[in-house]
Amino acid sequence: VYSILDGKVKDVYSNVLEGTCVVIEHDGGLVSEYASLASDVKVKVGDDVSRGDIIGTVSASANAECEAGDHLHFSLIDNDKKIDPAAYLNISTNK
């Protein structure tokens, strides 16, 4: 799993529902959240990361979604509002 943009690691935590999570703050009020990671994440709180830096690997650590197997649960938040990350991932949402 790679950081979507340059930023600073705001939080690294684990809980039963989300598994192991990494939260990265980016410029302009943007925050990326990566959940269901393996417990051996490659970053710690306060680390500066660049776009494309490895932050961890996918796993089935999110108990709420364990039937999905190893996967990444990714969220992008712009000024406290969840947004569609497609524009930042260079993918089309048209089907």
PDB file of N, CA and C in Angstrom:
ATOM      1  N   VAL A   1       0.857  -1.170   0.000  1.00  0.00           N
ATOM      2  CA  VAL A   1       0.000   0.000   0.000  1.00  0.00           C
ATOM      3  C   VAL A   1       0.897   1.225   0.000  1.00  0.00           C
ATOM      4  N   TYR A   2       0.606   2.171  -0.870  1.00  0.00           N
ATOM      5  CA  TYR A   2       1.412   3.365  -1.043  1.00  0.00           C
ATOM      6  C   TYR A   2       0.648   4.614  -0.614  1.00  0.00           C
ATOM      7  N   SER A   3       1.380   5.615  -0.155  1.00  0.00           N
ATOM      8  CA  SER A   3       0.755   6.898   0.165  1.00  0.00           C
ATOM      9  C   SER A   3       0.255   7.542  -1.126  1.00  0.00           C
ATOM     10  N   ILE A   4      -0.966   8.054  -1.099  1.00  0.00           N
ATOM     11  CA  ILE A   4      -1.567   8.647  -2.288  1.00  0.00           C
ATOM     12  C   ILE A   4      -0.936   9.995  -2.642  1.00  0.00           C
ATOM     13  N   LEU A   5      -0.439  10.732  -1.621  1.00  0.00           N
ATOM     14  CA  LEU A   5       0.158  12.057  -1.802  1.00  0.00           C
ATOM     15  C   LEU A   5       1.223  12.286  -0.742  1.00  0.00           C
ATOM     16  N   ASP A   6       2.012  13.343  -0.907  1.00  0.00           N
ATOM     17  CA  ASP A   6       2.940  13.761   0.140  1.00  0.00           C
ATOM     18  C   ASP A   6       2.146  14.147   1.384  1.00  0.00           C
ATOM     19  N   GLY A   7       2.703  13.897   2.560  1.00  0.00           N
ATOM     20  CA  GLY A   7       2.017  14.292   3.782  1.00  0.00           C
ATOM     21  C   GLY A   7       2.774  13.865   5.021  1.00  0.00           C
ATOM     22  N   LYS A   8       2.086  13.964   6.157  1.00  0.00           N
ATOM     23  CA  LYS A   8       2.652  13.593   7.457  1.00  0.00           C
ATOM     24  C   LYS A   8       1.717  12.600   8.129  1.00  0.00           C
ATOM     25  N   VAL A   9       2.288  11.541   8.690  1.00  0.00           N
ATOM     26  CA  VAL A   9       1.489  10.526   9.368  1.00  0.00           C
ATOM     27  C   VAL A   9       0.920  11.130  10.651  1.00  0.00           C
ATOM     28  N   LYS A  10      -0.402  11.179  10.710  1.00  0.00           N
ATOM     29  CA  LYS A  10      -1.107  11.756  11.856  1.00  0.00           C
ATOM     30  C   LYS A  10      -1.406  10.712  12.917  1.00  0.00           C
ATOM     31  N   ASP A  11      -1.709   9.473  12.491  1.00  0.00           N
ATOM     32  CA  ASP A  11      -2.098   8.438  13.444  1.00  0.00           C
ATOM     33  C   ASP A  11      -1.821   7.054  12.864  1.00  0.00           C
ATOM     34  N   VAL A  12      -1.484   6.138  13.743  1.00  0.00           N
ATOM     35  CA  VAL A  12      -1.373   4.708  13.433  1.00  0.00           C
ATOM     36  C   VAL A  12      -2.037   3.995  14.604  1.00  0.00           C
ATOM     37  N   TYR A  13      -3.058   3.185  14.323  1.00  0.00           N
ATOM     38  CA  TYR A  13      -3.790   2.525  15.408  1.00  0.00           C
ATOM     39  C   TYR A  13      -4.421   1.236  14.899  1.00  0.00           C
ATOM     40  N   SER A  14      -4.915   0.449  15.837  1.00  0.00           N
ATOM     41  CA  SER A  14      -5.645  -0.781  15.509  1.00  0.00           C
ATOM     42  C   SER A  14      -6.902  -0.847  16.352  1.00  0.00           C
ATOM     43  N   ASN A  15      -7.964  -1.364  15.750  1.00  0.00           N
ATOM     44  CA  ASN A  15      -9.172  -1.679  16.506  1.00  0.00           C
ATOM     45  C   ASN A  15      -9.855  -2.868  15.835  1.00  0.00           C
ATOM     46  N   VAL A  16     -10.847  -3.416  16.498  1.00  0.00           N
ATOM     47  CA  VAL A  16     -11.499  -4.636  16.031  1.00  0.00           C
ATOM     48  C   VAL A  16     -12.200  -4.439  14.689  1.00  0.00           C
ATOM     49  N   LEU A  17     -12.867  -3.316  14.503  1.00  0.00           N
ATOM     50  CA  LEU A  17     -13.644  -3.111  13.282  1.00  0.00           C
ATOM     51  C   LEU A  17     -12.789  -2.804  12.068  1.00  0.00           C
ATOM     52  N   GLU A  18     -11.812  -1.907  12.199  1.00  0.00           N
ATOM     53  CA  GLU A  18     -11.032  -1.437  11.054  1.00  0.00           C
ATOM     54  C   GLU A  18      -9.699  -2.158  10.877  1.00  0.00           C
ATOM     55  N   GLY A  19      -9.262  -2.881  11.881  1.00  0.00           N
ATOM     56  CA  GLY A  19      -7.950  -3.508  11.833  1.00  0.00           C
ATOM     57  C   GLY A  19      -6.872  -2.461  12.075  1.00  0.00           C
ATOM     58  N   THR A  20      -5.727  -2.646  11.459  1.00  0.00           N
ATOM     59  CA  THR A  20      -4.623  -1.693  11.592  1.00  0.00           C
ATOM     60  C   THR A  20      -4.820  -0.570  10.586  1.00  0.00           C
ATOM     61  N   CYS A  21      -4.696   0.675  11.074  1.00  0.00           N
ATOM     62  CA  CYS A  21      -4.985   1.859  10.258  1.00  0.00           C
ATOM     63  C   CYS A  21      -3.835   2.853  10.291  1.00  0.00           C
ATOM     64  N   VAL A  22      -3.647   3.540   9.160  1.00  0.00           N
ATOM     65  CA  VAL A  22      -2.708   4.649   9.052  1.00  0.00           C
ATOM     66  C   VAL A  22      -3.493   5.848   8.526  1.00  0.00           C
ATOM     67  N   VAL A  23      -3.306   7.000   9.182  1.00  0.00           N
ATOM     68  CA  VAL A  23      -3.957   8.245   8.780  1.00  0.00           C
ATOM     69  C   VAL A  23      -2.863   9.237   8.406  1.00  0.00           C
ATOM     70  N   ILE A  24      -2.966   9.814   7.201  1.00  0.00           N
ATOM     71  CA  ILE A  24      -1.968  10.767   6.713  1.00  0.00           C
ATOM     72  C   ILE A  24      -2.647  12.093   6.392  1.00  0.00           C
ATOM     73  N   GLU A  25      -2.072  13.187   6.920  1.00  0.00           N
ATOM     74  CA  GLU A  25      -2.554  14.536   6.606  1.00  0.00           C
ATOM     75  C   GLU A  25      -1.767  15.081   5.423  1.00  0.00           C
ATOM     76  N   HIS A  26      -2.489  15.694   4.479  1.00  0.00           N
ATOM     77  CA  HIS A  26      -1.895  16.289   3.290  1.00  0.00           C
ATOM     78  C   HIS A  26      -2.212  17.780   3.280  1.00  0.00           C
ATOM     79  N   ASP A  27      -1.605  18.525   2.382  1.00  0.00           N
ATOM     80  CA  ASP A  27      -1.880  19.959   2.266  1.00  0.00           C
ATOM     81  C   ASP A  27      -3.344  20.210   1.929  1.00  0.00           C
ATOM     82  N   GLY A  28      -3.827  21.376   2.310  1.00  0.00           N
ATOM     83  CA  GLY A  28      -5.163  21.809   1.921  1.00  0.00           C
ATOM     84  C   GLY A  28      -6.297  21.142   2.654  1.00  0.00           C
ATOM     85  N   GLY A  29      -6.062  20.550   3.815  1.00  0.00           N
ATOM     86  CA  GLY A  29      -7.135  19.926   4.581  1.00  0.00           C
ATOM     87  C   GLY A  29      -7.499  18.528   4.136  1.00  0.00           C
ATOM     88  N   LEU A  30      -6.686  17.916   3.300  1.00  0.00           N
ATOM     89  CA  LEU A  30      -6.952  16.567   2.800  1.00  0.00           C
ATOM     90  C   LEU A  30      -6.325  15.536   3.739  1.00  0.00           C
ATOM     91  N   VAL A  31      -7.077  14.465   4.018  1.00  0.00           N
ATOM     92  CA  VAL A  31      -6.609  13.382   4.894  1.00  0.00           C
ATOM     93  C   VAL A  31      -6.914  12.061   4.202  1.00  0.00           C
ATOM     94  N   SER A  32      -5.921  11.165   4.158  1.00  0.00           N
ATOM     95  CA  SER A  32      -6.152   9.819   3.617  1.00  0.00           C
ATOM     96  C   SER A  32      -6.078   8.820   4.760  1.00  0.00           C
ATOM     97  N   GLU A  33      -6.985   7.842   4.717  1.00  0.00           N
ATOM     98  CA  GLU A  33      -7.041   6.803   5.741  1.00  0.00           C
ATOM     99  C   GLU A  33      -6.949   5.435   5.066  1.00  0.00           C
ATOM    100  N   TYR A  34      -6.046   4.616   5.573  1.00  0.00           N
ATOM    101  CA  TYR A  34      -5.780   3.292   5.029  1.00  0.00           C
ATOM    102  C   TYR A  34      -6.052   2.282   6.139  1.00  0.00           C
ATOM    103  N   ALA A  35      -7.051   1.417   5.968  1.00  0.00           N
ATOM    104  CA  ALA A  35      -7.426   0.460   7.010  1.00  0.00           C
ATOM    105  C   ALA A  35      -7.334  -0.971   6.484  1.00  0.00           C
ATOM    106  N   SER A  36      -7.378  -1.925   7.395  1.00  0.00           N
ATOM    107  CA  SER A  36      -7.232  -3.352   7.124  1.00  0.00           C
ATOM    108  C   SER A  36      -5.809  -3.686   6.664  1.00  0.00           C
ATOM    109  N   LEU A  37      -4.834  -2.962   7.249  1.00  0.00           N
ATOM    110  CA  LEU A  37      -3.427  -3.206   6.952  1.00  0.00           C
ATOM    111  C   LEU A  37      -2.877  -4.296   7.865  1.00  0.00           C
ATOM    112  N   ALA A  38      -1.791  -4.919   7.432  1.00  0.00           N
ATOM    113  CA  ALA A  38      -1.065  -5.842   8.303  1.00  0.00           C
ATOM    114  C   ALA A  38      -0.462  -5.023   9.449  1.00  0.00           C
ATOM    115  N   SER A  39      -0.245  -5.638  10.590  1.00  0.00           N
ATOM    116  CA  SER A  39       0.193  -4.915  11.788  1.00  0.00           C
ATOM    117  C   SER A  39       1.603  -4.353  11.690  1.00  0.00           C
ATOM    118  N   ASP A  40       2.403  -4.827  10.760  1.00  0.00           N
ATOM    119  CA  ASP A  40       3.785  -4.346  10.644  1.00  0.00           C
ATOM    120  C   ASP A  40       3.896  -3.174   9.662  1.00  0.00           C
ATOM    121  N   VAL A  41       3.134  -2.091   9.917  1.00  0.00           N
ATOM    122  CA  VAL A  41       3.165  -0.926   9.037  1.00  0.00           C
ATOM    123  C   VAL A  41       4.579  -0.354   8.984  1.00  0.00           C
ATOM    124  N   LYS A  42       4.883   0.336   7.908  1.00  0.00           N
ATOM    125  CA  LYS A  42       6.234   0.840   7.650  1.00  0.00           C
ATOM    126  C   LYS A  42       6.433   2.278   8.103  1.00  0.00           C
ATOM    127  N   VAL A  43       5.409   2.905   8.699  1.00  0.00           N
ATOM    128  CA  VAL A  43       5.495   4.299   9.127  1.00  0.00           C
ATOM    129  C   VAL A  43       5.065   4.419  10.581  1.00  0.00           C
ATOM    130  N   LYS A  44       5.397   5.575  11.181  1.00  0.00           N
ATOM    131  CA  LYS A  44       4.957   5.870  12.546  1.00  0.00           C
ATOM    132  C   LYS A  44       4.474   7.308  12.597  1.00  0.00           C
ATOM    133  N   VAL A  45       3.740   7.640  13.642  1.00  0.00           N
ATOM    134  CA  VAL A  45       3.212   8.989  13.807  1.00  0.00           C
ATOM    135  C   VAL A  45       4.357   9.996  13.729  1.00  0.00           C
ATOM    136  N   GLY A  46       4.130  11.049  12.940  1.00  0.00           N
ATOM    137  CA  GLY A  46       5.125  12.106  12.773  1.00  0.00           C
ATOM    138  C   GLY A  46       6.008  11.948  11.554  1.00  0.00           C
ATOM    139  N   ASP A  47       6.015  10.765  10.936  1.00  0.00           N
ATOM    140  CA  ASP A  47       6.830  10.554   9.734  1.00  0.00           C
ATOM    141  C   ASP A  47       6.314  11.403   8.577  1.00  0.00           C
ATOM    142  N   ASP A  48       7.237  11.976   7.817  1.00  0.00           N
ATOM    143  CA  ASP A  48       6.890  12.605   6.547  1.00  0.00           C
ATOM    144  C   ASP A  48       6.912  11.518   5.483  1.00  0.00           C
ATOM    145  N   VAL A  49       5.904  11.512   4.616  1.00  0.00           N
ATOM    146  CA  VAL A  49       5.843  10.542   3.527  1.00  0.00           C
ATOM    147  C   VAL A  49       5.689  11.287   2.213  1.00  0.00           C
ATOM    148  N   SER A  50       6.183  10.676   1.164  1.00  0.00           N
ATOM    149  CA  SER A  50       6.026  11.206  -0.188  1.00  0.00           C
ATOM    150  C   SER A  50       5.045  10.332  -0.946  1.00  0.00           C
ATOM    151  N   ARG A  51       4.441  10.916  -1.959  1.00  0.00           N
ATOM    152  CA  ARG A  51       3.539  10.139  -2.817  1.00  0.00           C
ATOM    153  C   ARG A  51       4.284   8.902  -3.307  1.00  0.00           C
ATOM    154  N   GLY A  52       3.662   7.736  -3.141  1.00  0.00           N
ATOM    155  CA  GLY A  52       4.256   6.492  -3.602  1.00  0.00           C
ATOM    156  C   GLY A  52       5.092   5.760  -2.569  1.00  0.00           C
ATOM    157  N   ASP A  53       5.340   6.379  -1.403  1.00  0.00           N
ATOM    158  CA  ASP A  53       6.067   5.670  -0.344  1.00  0.00           C
ATOM    159  C   ASP A  53       5.235   4.501   0.172  1.00  0.00           C
ATOM    160  N   ILE A  54       5.883   3.394   0.463  1.00  0.00           N
ATOM    161  CA  ILE A  54       5.190   2.231   1.022  1.00  0.00           C
ATOM    162  C   ILE A  54       4.848   2.519   2.477  1.00  0.00           C
ATOM    163  N   ILE A  55       3.563   2.325   2.829  1.00  0.00           N
ATOM    164  CA  ILE A  55       3.148   2.514   4.223  1.00  0.00           C
ATOM    165  C   ILE A  55       2.773   1.199   4.896  1.00  0.00           C
ATOM    166  N   GLY A  56       2.487   0.172   4.122  1.00  0.00           N
ATOM    167  CA  GLY A  56       2.125  -1.120   4.694  1.00  0.00           C
ATOM    168  C   GLY A  56       1.659  -2.084   3.626  1.00  0.00           C
ATOM    169  N   THR A  57       1.079  -3.205   4.081  1.00  0.00           N
ATOM    170  CA  THR A  57       0.543  -4.214   3.175  1.00  0.00           C
ATOM    171  C   THR A  57      -0.894  -4.530   3.561  1.00  0.00           C
ATOM    172  N   VAL A  58      -1.668  -4.986   2.594  1.00  0.00           N
ATOM    173  CA  VAL A  58      -3.064  -5.335   2.859  1.00  0.00           C
ATOM    174  C   VAL A  58      -3.134  -6.589   3.713  1.00  0.00           C
ATOM    175  N   SER A  59      -4.255  -6.728   4.412  1.00  0.00           N
ATOM    176  CA  SER A  59      -4.495  -7.918   5.225  1.00  0.00           C
ATOM    177  C   SER A  59      -5.993  -8.076   5.422  1.00  0.00           C
ATOM    178  N   ALA A  60      -6.351  -9.008   6.259  1.00  0.00           N
ATOM    179  CA  ALA A  60      -7.753  -9.207   6.639  1.00  0.00           C
ATOM    180  C   ALA A  60      -7.938  -8.787   8.096  1.00  0.00           C
ATOM    181  N   SER A  61      -7.209  -7.742   8.530  1.00  0.00           N
ATOM    182  CA  SER A  61      -7.245  -7.341   9.934  1.00  0.00           C
ATOM    183  C   SER A  61      -8.538  -6.642  10.338  1.00  0.00           C
ATOM    184  N   ALA A  62      -9.335  -6.187   9.378  1.00  0.00           N
ATOM    185  CA  ALA A  62     -10.606  -5.534   9.685  1.00  0.00           C
ATOM    186  C   ALA A  62     -11.672  -6.600   9.924  1.00  0.00           C
ATOM    187  N   ASN A  63     -11.985  -6.869  11.173  1.00  0.00           N
ATOM    188  CA  ASN A  63     -12.955  -7.916  11.492  1.00  0.00           C
ATOM    189  C   ASN A  63     -14.325  -7.659  10.887  1.00  0.00           C
ATOM    190  N   ALA A  64     -14.690  -6.398  10.711  1.00  0.00           N
ATOM    191  CA  ALA A  64     -16.001  -6.075  10.137  1.00  0.00           C
ATOM    192  C   ALA A  64     -16.089  -6.498   8.678  1.00  0.00           C
ATOM    193  N   GLU A  65     -14.931  -6.717   8.032  1.00  0.00           N
ATOM    194  CA  GLU A  65     -14.918  -7.081   6.619  1.00  0.00           C
ATOM    195  C   GLU A  65     -14.061  -8.315   6.357  1.00  0.00           C
ATOM    196  N   CYS A  66     -13.912  -9.172   7.353  1.00  0.00           N
ATOM    197  CA  CYS A  66     -12.991 -10.307   7.223  1.00  0.00           C
ATOM    198  C   CYS A  66     -13.395 -11.264   6.110  1.00  0.00           C
ATOM    199  N   GLU A  67     -14.688 -11.345   5.786  1.00  0.00           N
ATOM    200  CA  GLU A  67     -15.113 -12.236   4.717  1.00  0.00           C
ATOM    201  C   GLU A  67     -14.594 -11.773   3.354  1.00  0.00           C
ATOM    202  N   ALA A  68     -14.135 -10.525   3.258  1.00  0.00           N
ATOM    203  CA  ALA A  68     -13.583 -10.007   2.001  1.00  0.00           C
ATOM    204  C   ALA A  68     -12.148 -10.471   1.782  1.00  0.00           C
ATOM    205  N   GLY A  69     -11.529 -11.074   2.794  1.00  0.00           N
ATOM    206  CA  GLY A  69     -10.135 -11.497   2.678  1.00  0.00           C
ATOM    207  C   GLY A  69      -9.200 -10.303   2.757  1.00  0.00           C
ATOM    208  N   ASP A  70      -7.958 -10.505   2.323  1.00  0.00           N
ATOM    209  CA  ASP A  70      -6.982  -9.425   2.339  1.00  0.00           C
ATOM    210  C   ASP A  70      -7.436  -8.309   1.404  1.00  0.00           C
ATOM    211  N   HIS A  71      -7.499  -7.102   1.925  1.00  0.00           N
ATOM    212  CA  HIS A  71      -7.925  -5.962   1.118  1.00  0.00           C
ATOM    213  C   HIS A  71      -7.551  -4.667   1.825  1.00  0.00           C
ATOM    214  N   LEU A  72      -7.661  -3.573   1.115  1.00  0.00           N
ATOM    215  CA  LEU A  72      -7.449  -2.236   1.670  1.00  0.00           C
ATOM    216  C   LEU A  72      -8.783  -1.535   1.761  1.00  0.00           C
ATOM    217  N   HIS A  73      -9.040  -0.939   2.908  1.00  0.00           N
ATOM    218  CA  HIS A  73     -10.206  -0.063   3.050  1.00  0.00           C
ATOM    219  C   HIS A  73      -9.646   1.350   3.045  1.00  0.00           C
ATOM    220  N   PHE A  74      -9.905   2.105   1.967  1.00  0.00           N
ATOM    221  CA  PHE A  74      -9.303   3.421   1.756  1.00  0.00           C
ATOM    222  C   PHE A  74     -10.372   4.502   1.803  1.00  0.00           C
ATOM    223  N   SER A  75     -10.084   5.590   2.522  1.00  0.00           N
ATOM    224  CA  SER A  75     -10.979   6.743   2.567  1.00  0.00           C
ATOM    225  C   SER A  75     -10.173   8.005   2.335  1.00  0.00           C
ATOM    226  N   LEU A  76     -10.804   8.968   1.678  1.00  0.00           N
ATOM    227  CA  LEU A  76     -10.189  10.270   1.466  1.00  0.00           C
ATOM    228  C   LEU A  76     -11.153  11.327   2.002  1.00  0.00           C
ATOM    229  N   ILE A  77     -10.637  12.201   2.856  1.00  0.00           N
ATOM    230  CA  ILE A  77     -11.455  13.206   3.527  1.00  0.00           C
ATOM    231  C   ILE A  77     -10.924  14.581   3.171  1.00  0.00           C
ATOM    232  N   ASP A  78     -11.819  15.459   2.721  1.00  0.00           N
ATOM    233  CA  ASP A  78     -11.458  16.834   2.383  1.00  0.00           C
ATOM    234  C   ASP A  78     -12.164  17.758   3.362  1.00  0.00           C
ATOM    235  N   ASN A  79     -11.376  18.382   4.246  1.00  0.00           N
ATOM    236  CA  ASN A  79     -11.935  19.286   5.258  1.00  0.00           C
ATOM    237  C   ASN A  79     -13.102  18.648   5.998  1.00  0.00           C
ATOM    238  N   ASP A  80     -12.864  17.458   6.553  1.00  0.00           N
ATOM    239  CA  ASP A  80     -13.802  16.701   7.384  1.00  0.00           C
ATOM    240  C   ASP A  80     -14.980  16.091   6.630  1.00  0.00           C
ATOM    241  N   LYS A  81     -14.940  16.053   5.292  1.00  0.00           N
ATOM    242  CA  LYS A  81     -16.018  15.456   4.506  1.00  0.00           C
ATOM    243  C   LYS A  81     -15.431  14.359   3.615  1.00  0.00           C
ATOM    244  N   LYS A  82     -15.968  13.132   3.726  1.00  0.00           N
ATOM    245  CA  LYS A  82     -15.497  12.033   2.872  1.00  0.00           C
ATOM    246  C   LYS A  82     -15.821  12.355   1.417  1.00  0.00           C
ATOM    247  N   ILE A  83     -14.832  12.107   0.546  1.00  0.00           N
ATOM    248  CA  ILE A  83     -14.997  12.390  -0.884  1.00  0.00           C
ATOM    249  C   ILE A  83     -14.624  11.161  -1.698  1.00  0.00           C
ATOM    250  N   ASP A  84     -15.031  11.166  -2.966  1.00  0.00           N
ATOM    251  CA  ASP A  84     -14.681  10.103  -3.905  1.00  0.00           C
ATOM    252  C   ASP A  84     -13.210  10.280  -4.287  1.00  0.00           C
ATOM    253  N   PRO A  85     -12.360   9.288  -4.035  1.00  0.00           N
ATOM    254  CA  PRO A  85     -10.930   9.438  -4.318  1.00  0.00           C
ATOM    255  C   PRO A  85     -10.548   9.233  -5.787  1.00  0.00           C
ATOM    256  N   ALA A  86     -11.492   8.978  -6.669  1.00  0.00           N
ATOM    257  CA  ALA A  86     -11.185   8.635  -8.061  1.00  0.00           C
ATOM    258  C   ALA A  86     -10.290   9.674  -8.737  1.00  0.00           C
ATOM    259  N   ALA A  87     -10.528  10.958  -8.501  1.00  0.00           N
ATOM    260  CA  ALA A  87      -9.741  12.005  -9.155  1.00  0.00           C
ATOM    261  C   ALA A  87      -8.278  11.956  -8.726  1.00  0.00           C
ATOM    262  N   TYR A  88      -8.019  11.498  -7.512  1.00  0.00           N
ATOM    263  CA  TYR A  88      -6.653  11.418  -6.996  1.00  0.00           C
ATOM    264  C   TYR A  88      -5.962  10.123  -7.405  1.00  0.00           C
ATOM    265  N   LEU A  89      -6.739   9.154  -7.852  1.00  0.00           N
ATOM    266  CA  LEU A  89      -6.206   7.853  -8.229  1.00  0.00           C
ATOM    267  C   LEU A  89      -6.108   7.673  -9.734  1.00  0.00           C
ATOM    268  N   ASN A  90      -6.516   8.700 -10.490  1.00  0.00           N
ATOM    269  CA  ASN A  90      -6.507   8.625 -11.961  1.00  0.00           C
ATOM    270  C   ASN A  90      -7.323   7.453 -12.479  1.00  0.00           C
ATOM    271  N   ILE A  91      -8.511   7.269 -11.909  1.00  0.00           N
ATOM    272  CA  ILE A  91      -9.415   6.223 -12.400  1.00  0.00           C
ATOM    273  C   ILE A  91     -10.748   6.849 -12.753  1.00  0.00           C
ATOM    274  N   SER A  92     -11.465   6.205 -13.595  1.00  0.00           N
ATOM    275  CA  SER A  92     -12.774   6.684 -14.004  1.00  0.00           C
ATOM    276  C   SER A  92     -13.843   6.002 -13.178  1.00  0.00           C
ATOM    277  N   THR A  93     -14.856   6.764 -12.784  1.00  0.00           N
ATOM    278  CA  THR A  93     -15.988   6.176 -12.070  1.00  0.00           C
ATOM    279  C   THR A  93     -17.134   5.846 -13.020  1.00  0.00           C
ATOM    280  N   ASN A  94     -16.951   6.133 -14.328  1.00  0.00           N
ATOM    281  CA  ASN A  94     -17.971   5.802 -15.320  1.00  0.00           C
ATOM    282  C   ASN A  94     -17.929   4.304 -15.612  1.00  0.00           C
ATOM    283  N   LYS A  95     -19.072   3.689 -15.686  1.00  0.00           N
ATOM    284  CA  LYS A  95     -19.120   2.245 -15.960  1.00  0.00           C
ATOM    285  C   LYS A  95     -19.731   2.002 -17.314  1.00  0.00           C
TER     286      LYS A  95
END
